[in-house]
Protein backbone atom coordinates (compact mmCIF):
# COMPACT_ATOMS: atom_id res chain seq x y z
CA UNK A 1 21.76 -27.25 -59.11
CA UNK A 2 18.78 -25.20 -58.00
CA UNK A 3 20.69 -21.98 -58.74
CA UNK A 4 21.43 -23.13 -62.39
CA UNK A 5 17.90 -24.26 -63.05
CA UNK A 6 16.18 -20.96 -62.03
CA UNK A 7 14.24 -19.51 -64.93
CA UNK A 8 14.57 -15.88 -63.63
CA UNK A 9 17.75 -14.87 -61.87
CA UNK A 10 19.88 -11.83 -61.20
CA UNK A 11 22.53 -10.82 -63.75
CA UNK A 12 25.84 -12.69 -63.53
CA UNK A 13 27.71 -9.55 -62.28
CA UNK A 14 25.16 -9.11 -59.47
CA UNK A 15 25.47 -12.79 -58.52
CA UNK A 16 29.23 -12.64 -58.49
CA UNK A 17 29.31 -9.46 -56.27
CA UNK A 18 26.66 -10.97 -54.02
CA UNK A 19 28.49 -14.22 -53.64
CA UNK A 20 31.66 -12.45 -52.59
CA UNK A 21 29.75 -10.18 -50.14
CA UNK A 22 27.83 -13.09 -48.55
CA UNK A 23 31.02 -15.19 -48.24
CA UNK A 24 32.88 -12.26 -46.56
CA UNK A 25 30.11 -11.69 -44.01
CA UNK A 26 29.81 -15.42 -43.25
CA UNK A 27 33.54 -15.80 -42.71
CA UNK A 28 33.64 -12.73 -40.46
CA UNK A 29 30.55 -13.99 -38.55
CA UNK A 30 32.20 -17.31 -37.97
CA UNK A 31 35.58 -15.82 -36.98
CA UNK A 32 34.02 -13.26 -34.52
CA UNK A 33 31.52 -15.72 -32.99
CA UNK A 34 33.88 -18.63 -32.60
CA UNK A 35 37.27 -17.20 -31.99
CA UNK A 36 36.78 -13.68 -30.62
CA UNK A 37 33.59 -14.22 -28.56
CA UNK A 38 34.00 -17.97 -27.85
CA UNK A 39 30.30 -18.57 -28.39
CA UNK A 40 30.97 -21.94 -29.94
CA UNK A 41 33.89 -24.18 -30.63
CA UNK A 42 34.82 -25.58 -34.05
CA UNK A 43 36.18 -29.06 -33.99
CA UNK A 44 39.67 -28.68 -35.36
CA UNK A 45 40.93 -32.00 -34.03
CA UNK A 46 39.57 -33.89 -37.00
CA UNK A 47 40.28 -32.87 -40.58
CA UNK A 48 36.90 -34.19 -41.89
CA UNK A 49 35.02 -32.28 -39.24
CA UNK A 50 36.94 -29.06 -39.94
CA UNK A 51 36.53 -29.46 -43.75
CA UNK A 52 32.79 -30.00 -43.28
CA UNK A 53 32.61 -26.68 -41.40
CA UNK A 54 34.52 -24.89 -44.17
CA UNK A 55 32.26 -26.40 -46.87
CA UNK A 56 29.20 -25.56 -44.86
CA UNK A 57 30.26 -21.89 -44.41
CA UNK A 58 31.84 -21.22 -47.82
CA UNK A 59 29.56 -23.15 -50.15
CA UNK A 60 26.34 -24.51 -48.66
CA UNK A 61 25.08 -21.46 -46.83
CA UNK A 62 26.44 -19.07 -49.45
CA UNK A 63 24.61 -20.78 -52.27
CA UNK A 64 21.38 -21.14 -50.29
CA UNK A 65 21.47 -17.37 -49.63
CA UNK A 66 22.34 -16.66 -53.20
CA UNK A 67 19.37 -18.74 -54.38
CA UNK A 68 17.25 -16.95 -51.84
CA UNK A 69 18.20 -13.58 -53.13
CA UNK A 70 17.69 -14.63 -56.75
CA UNK A 71 14.19 -15.99 -56.14
CA UNK A 72 13.11 -13.17 -53.76
CA UNK A 73 14.31 -10.37 -55.91
CA UNK A 74 13.09 -11.64 -59.26
CA UNK A 75 9.50 -12.48 -58.32
CA UNK A 76 6.61 -10.25 -57.35
CA UNK A 77 4.43 -13.00 -55.92
CA UNK A 78 4.36 -12.73 -52.14
CA UNK A 79 3.66 -16.46 -51.64
CA UNK A 80 6.88 -17.37 -53.43
CA UNK A 81 8.77 -14.74 -51.41
CA UNK A 82 7.35 -16.14 -48.12
CA UNK A 83 8.05 -19.69 -49.30
CA UNK A 84 11.71 -19.08 -50.16
CA UNK A 85 12.21 -17.09 -46.96
CA UNK A 86 10.83 -19.89 -44.75
CA UNK A 87 12.74 -22.52 -46.71
CA UNK A 88 16.04 -20.57 -46.38
CA UNK A 89 15.59 -19.99 -42.68
CA UNK A 90 14.58 -23.59 -41.86
CA UNK A 91 17.34 -25.06 -44.05
CA UNK A 92 19.98 -23.05 -42.26
CA UNK A 93 18.51 -24.11 -38.84
CA UNK A 94 18.57 -27.71 -40.04
CA UNK A 95 22.14 -27.74 -41.29
CA UNK A 96 23.32 -25.91 -38.13
CA UNK A 97 21.68 -28.64 -35.99
CA UNK A 98 23.37 -31.30 -38.19
CA UNK A 99 26.82 -29.67 -37.53
CA UNK A 100 26.11 -29.80 -33.79
CA UNK A 101 24.77 -33.34 -33.90
CA UNK A 102 27.86 -34.50 -35.76
CA UNK A 103 30.17 -32.70 -33.27
CA UNK A 104 31.53 -30.24 -35.79
CA UNK A 105 30.40 -27.35 -33.58
CA UNK A 106 30.03 -27.30 -29.84
CA UNK A 107 27.99 -24.48 -28.25
CA UNK A 108 29.61 -22.52 -25.45
CA UNK A 109 27.11 -19.70 -24.94
CA UNK A 110 25.42 -19.91 -28.33
CA UNK A 111 21.75 -20.88 -28.39
CA UNK A 112 18.75 -21.35 -30.72
CA UNK A 113 17.61 -17.74 -30.34
CA UNK A 114 21.04 -16.29 -31.18
CA UNK A 115 21.22 -18.70 -34.21
CA UNK A 116 17.79 -17.62 -35.39
CA UNK A 117 18.50 -13.91 -35.07
CA UNK A 118 21.89 -14.28 -36.82
CA UNK A 119 20.20 -16.10 -39.70
CA UNK A 120 17.57 -13.40 -40.05
CA UNK A 121 20.25 -10.68 -40.00
CA UNK A 122 22.31 -12.44 -42.67
CA UNK A 123 19.18 -12.98 -44.83
CA UNK A 124 18.30 -9.25 -44.53
CA UNK A 125 21.91 -8.30 -45.39
CA UNK A 126 21.71 -10.56 -48.38
CA UNK A 127 18.53 -8.96 -49.67
CA UNK A 128 19.74 -5.40 -49.12
CA UNK A 129 22.94 -5.95 -50.93
CA UNK A 130 21.17 -7.85 -53.63
CA UNK A 131 18.83 -5.01 -54.18
CA UNK A 132 21.78 -2.53 -54.14
CA UNK A 133 23.76 -4.53 -56.68
CA UNK A 134 20.62 -5.01 -58.80
CA UNK A 135 20.11 -1.25 -58.91
CA UNK A 136 23.84 -0.60 -59.67
CA UNK A 137 23.75 -3.11 -62.47
CA UNK A 138 20.70 -1.47 -64.14
CA UNK A 139 22.00 2.03 -63.57
CA UNK A 140 25.56 1.35 -64.73
CA UNK A 141 24.50 -0.72 -67.71
CA UNK A 142 25.95 -4.05 -66.55
CA UNK A 143 22.94 -5.81 -68.02
CA UNK A 144 22.82 -6.51 -71.75
């Protein structure tokens, strides 16, 4: 709902490309962290738990990061940029804690510091790709 109600946002083509890029990196992050490195375990014994993890990864975090990129890249006020950055970071920390509290995720070597660093890396990746796609859109004439 927040994404729809933004007065200034990136062009549709940029949002679409950014959504796909964010979703791809989040899926790869989850696969590598959980299955290859065994840093945490996803509860696959319960369908509702597993579905909540899928919804969290594919929709909640993706749209939070998409909203973050739209607000950050379309405003020049530093207070708004700091505010959306802090909100995005804290929201992801909070929903990660909720997944652990509800036994959707179980840490096996993952900790708060690793979680924080990963969130900052994904937020930076989102901004860099958002800026790249924004420049591509203006240079290639994707904007009407």
